Amino acid sequence: MPSIDIQVLEGVFSDAEKAEIIRRVTDAFGSVAGETIRGGTSVRIHDVRSGSYGYAGNVLTTEDALAMRRRG
């Protein structure tokens, strides 16, 4: 069945926020794919070490990501 992988910088999301992301992504996928497929969908959140993630050629840190979250 479907497998969805999400990569985030470590320390940016709490365990409760990760659980909510997993629930919402599963629900969103299921709303398109159907309830049977939703029931077999797995979602994994991978924490990437700070400084080991890049965006547009720039290295991002946990602090960078937290600053983005504060900006909304």
N, C-alpha and C. Protein backbone atom coordinates (compact mmCIF):
# COMPACT_ATOMS: atom_id res chain seq x y z
N MET A 1 0.84 -1.18 0.00
CA MET A 1 0.00 0.00 0.00
C MET A 1 0.88 1.25 0.00
N PRO A 2 0.28 2.41 -0.09
CA PRO A 2 1.06 3.65 -0.19
C PRO A 2 1.94 3.89 1.03
N SER A 3 3.09 4.46 0.76
CA SER A 3 4.03 4.81 1.80
C SER A 3 4.48 6.25 1.56
N ILE A 4 4.29 7.10 2.57
CA ILE A 4 4.61 8.52 2.44
C ILE A 4 5.71 8.85 3.43
N ASP A 5 6.81 9.38 2.94
CA ASP A 5 7.94 9.76 3.78
C ASP A 5 8.06 11.27 3.83
N ILE A 6 8.21 11.81 5.02
CA ILE A 6 8.35 13.24 5.24
C ILE A 6 9.65 13.46 5.99
N GLN A 7 10.47 14.35 5.50
CA GLN A 7 11.74 14.65 6.16
C GLN A 7 11.68 16.06 6.73
N VAL A 8 12.03 16.17 8.00
CA VAL A 8 12.06 17.46 8.69
C VAL A 8 13.35 17.57 9.48
N LEU A 9 13.74 18.78 9.77
CA LEU A 9 14.91 18.97 10.61
C LEU A 9 14.59 18.60 12.05
N GLU A 10 15.54 17.94 12.71
CA GLU A 10 15.35 17.53 14.09
C GLU A 10 15.05 18.73 14.98
N GLY A 11 14.20 18.51 15.97
CA GLY A 11 13.92 19.53 16.96
C GLY A 11 12.96 20.62 16.54
N VAL A 12 12.37 20.48 15.36
CA VAL A 12 11.45 21.52 14.87
C VAL A 12 10.01 21.22 15.27
N PHE A 13 9.64 19.94 15.26
CA PHE A 13 8.27 19.54 15.57
C PHE A 13 8.27 18.64 16.80
N SER A 14 7.30 18.85 17.66
CA SER A 14 7.15 17.99 18.84
C SER A 14 6.55 16.64 18.42
N ASP A 15 6.59 15.68 19.32
CA ASP A 15 5.98 14.38 19.04
C ASP A 15 4.49 14.53 18.76
N ALA A 16 3.83 15.41 19.50
CA ALA A 16 2.39 15.62 19.29
C ALA A 16 2.13 16.23 17.90
N GLU A 17 2.98 17.16 17.48
CA GLU A 17 2.82 17.75 16.15
C GLU A 17 3.08 16.72 15.06
N LYS A 18 4.06 15.87 15.25
CA LYS A 18 4.33 14.81 14.27
C LYS A 18 3.14 13.87 14.17
N ALA A 19 2.54 13.52 15.29
CA ALA A 19 1.36 12.65 15.28
C ALA A 19 0.22 13.30 14.50
N GLU A 20 0.04 14.59 14.69
CA GLU A 20 -1.01 15.33 13.97
C GLU A 20 -0.71 15.37 12.47
N ILE A 21 0.55 15.57 12.11
CA ILE A 21 0.94 15.56 10.70
C ILE A 21 0.62 14.19 10.10
N ILE A 22 0.97 13.12 10.79
CA ILE A 22 0.70 11.78 10.30
C ILE A 22 -0.79 11.57 10.08
N ARG A 23 -1.60 11.96 11.05
CA ARG A 23 -3.06 11.81 10.92
C ARG A 23 -3.60 12.61 9.75
N ARG A 24 -3.19 13.86 9.65
CA ARG A 24 -3.73 14.72 8.59
C ARG A 24 -3.28 14.30 7.19
N VAL A 25 -2.02 13.90 7.05
CA VAL A 25 -1.54 13.44 5.74
C VAL A 25 -2.28 12.16 5.34
N THR A 26 -2.45 11.25 6.28
CA THR A 26 -3.19 10.02 5.99
C THR A 26 -4.61 10.34 5.57
N ASP A 27 -5.27 11.24 6.29
CA ASP A 27 -6.65 11.62 5.95
C ASP A 27 -6.72 12.29 4.59
N ALA A 28 -5.79 13.19 4.29
CA ALA A 28 -5.78 13.88 3.00
C ALA A 28 -5.58 12.89 1.85
N PHE A 29 -4.64 11.98 2.02
CA PHE A 29 -4.40 10.99 0.98
C PHE A 29 -5.63 10.11 0.80
N GLY A 30 -6.20 9.68 1.92
CA GLY A 30 -7.38 8.82 1.86
C GLY A 30 -8.58 9.50 1.24
N SER A 31 -8.70 10.81 1.40
CA SER A 31 -9.84 11.52 0.82
C SER A 31 -9.79 11.50 -0.70
N VAL A 32 -8.61 11.31 -1.26
CA VAL A 32 -8.46 11.21 -2.71
C VAL A 32 -8.46 9.74 -3.15
N ALA A 33 -7.71 8.90 -2.43
CA ALA A 33 -7.50 7.52 -2.85
C ALA A 33 -8.61 6.57 -2.43
N GLY A 34 -9.37 6.95 -1.41
CA GLY A 34 -10.44 6.08 -0.92
C GLY A 34 -10.11 5.47 0.42
N GLU A 35 -11.15 5.09 1.13
CA GLU A 35 -11.01 4.60 2.50
C GLU A 35 -10.22 3.30 2.59
N THR A 36 -10.38 2.41 1.64
CA THR A 36 -9.65 1.14 1.67
C THR A 36 -8.15 1.39 1.59
N ILE A 37 -7.74 2.26 0.67
CA ILE A 37 -6.32 2.57 0.54
C ILE A 37 -5.84 3.38 1.74
N ARG A 38 -6.68 4.28 2.25
CA ARG A 38 -6.31 5.05 3.45
C ARG A 38 -5.91 4.11 4.58
N GLY A 39 -6.67 3.03 4.74
CA GLY A 39 -6.41 2.08 5.82
C GLY A 39 -5.06 1.38 5.71
N GLY A 40 -4.49 1.36 4.51
CA GLY A 40 -3.19 0.72 4.32
C GLY A 40 -2.06 1.70 4.08
N THR A 41 -2.32 2.97 4.30
CA THR A 41 -1.31 4.00 4.05
C THR A 41 -0.40 4.16 5.26
N SER A 42 0.91 4.15 4.99
CA SER A 42 1.86 4.41 6.08
C SER A 42 2.52 5.76 5.84
N VAL A 43 2.73 6.47 6.93
CA VAL A 43 3.40 7.78 6.89
C VAL A 43 4.53 7.73 7.90
N ARG A 44 5.72 8.09 7.44
CA ARG A 44 6.89 8.13 8.32
C ARG A 44 7.49 9.52 8.30
N ILE A 45 7.82 10.02 9.47
CA ILE A 45 8.50 11.30 9.57
C ILE A 45 9.94 11.01 9.99
N HIS A 46 10.86 11.48 9.17
CA HIS A 46 12.28 11.28 9.42
C HIS A 46 12.89 12.59 9.91
N ASP A 47 13.54 12.55 11.05
CA ASP A 47 14.26 13.71 11.56
C ASP A 47 15.65 13.73 10.94
N VAL A 48 15.95 14.82 10.27
CA VAL A 48 17.26 15.00 9.64
C VAL A 48 18.10 15.88 10.56
N ARG A 49 19.33 15.47 10.77
CA ARG A 49 20.23 16.21 11.66
C ARG A 49 20.40 17.66 11.18
N SER A 50 20.40 18.57 12.12
CA SER A 50 20.59 19.98 11.82
C SER A 50 21.88 20.18 11.02
N GLY A 51 21.79 20.93 9.94
CA GLY A 51 22.94 21.18 9.09
C GLY A 51 23.12 20.14 7.99
N SER A 52 22.27 19.10 7.99
CA SER A 52 22.36 18.05 6.97
C SER A 52 21.21 18.13 5.98
N TYR A 53 20.62 19.28 5.86
CA TYR A 53 19.46 19.51 5.02
C TYR A 53 19.72 20.75 4.19
N GLY A 54 19.39 20.70 2.93
CA GLY A 54 19.63 21.86 2.08
C GLY A 54 18.39 22.29 1.35
N TYR A 55 18.33 23.58 1.06
CA TYR A 55 17.20 24.16 0.34
C TYR A 55 17.77 25.24 -0.55
N ALA A 56 17.50 25.13 -1.83
CA ALA A 56 17.96 26.12 -2.81
C ALA A 56 19.47 26.35 -2.73
N GLY A 57 20.20 25.27 -2.45
CA GLY A 57 21.64 25.36 -2.38
C GLY A 57 22.19 25.86 -1.06
N ASN A 58 21.32 26.11 -0.10
CA ASN A 58 21.74 26.61 1.22
C ASN A 58 21.54 25.53 2.27
N VAL A 59 22.48 25.43 3.19
CA VAL A 59 22.36 24.49 4.30
C VAL A 59 21.44 25.11 5.36
N LEU A 60 20.48 24.31 5.82
CA LEU A 60 19.55 24.78 6.85
C LEU A 60 19.84 24.09 8.18
N THR A 61 19.60 24.81 9.23
CA THR A 61 19.75 24.28 10.58
C THR A 61 18.39 24.25 11.27
N THR A 62 18.36 23.60 12.41
CA THR A 62 17.13 23.58 13.19
C THR A 62 16.69 25.00 13.52
N GLU A 63 17.61 25.85 13.88
CA GLU A 63 17.27 27.24 14.21
C GLU A 63 16.66 27.96 13.01
N ASP A 64 17.18 27.70 11.82
CA ASP A 64 16.59 28.30 10.61
C ASP A 64 15.14 27.88 10.46
N ALA A 65 14.88 26.59 10.63
CA ALA A 65 13.52 26.08 10.48
C ALA A 65 12.59 26.62 11.57
N LEU A 66 13.10 26.72 12.79
CA LEU A 66 12.28 27.30 13.87
C LEU A 66 11.96 28.76 13.58
N ALA A 67 12.91 29.49 13.01
CA ALA A 67 12.66 30.90 12.65
C ALA A 67 11.57 30.97 11.57
N MET A 68 11.59 30.05 10.61
CA MET A 68 10.53 30.01 9.58
C MET A 68 9.18 29.75 10.21
N ARG A 69 9.13 28.86 11.16
CA ARG A 69 7.85 28.58 11.83
C ARG A 69 7.35 29.80 12.58
N ARG A 70 8.25 30.53 13.21
CA ARG A 70 7.82 31.73 13.95
C ARG A 70 7.24 32.78 13.01
N ARG A 71 7.74 32.84 11.81
CA ARG A 71 7.24 33.81 10.82
C ARG A 71 5.88 33.41 10.30
N GLY A 72 5.51 32.15 10.49
CA GLY A 72 4.19 31.70 10.08
C GLY A 72 4.20 31.11 8.74
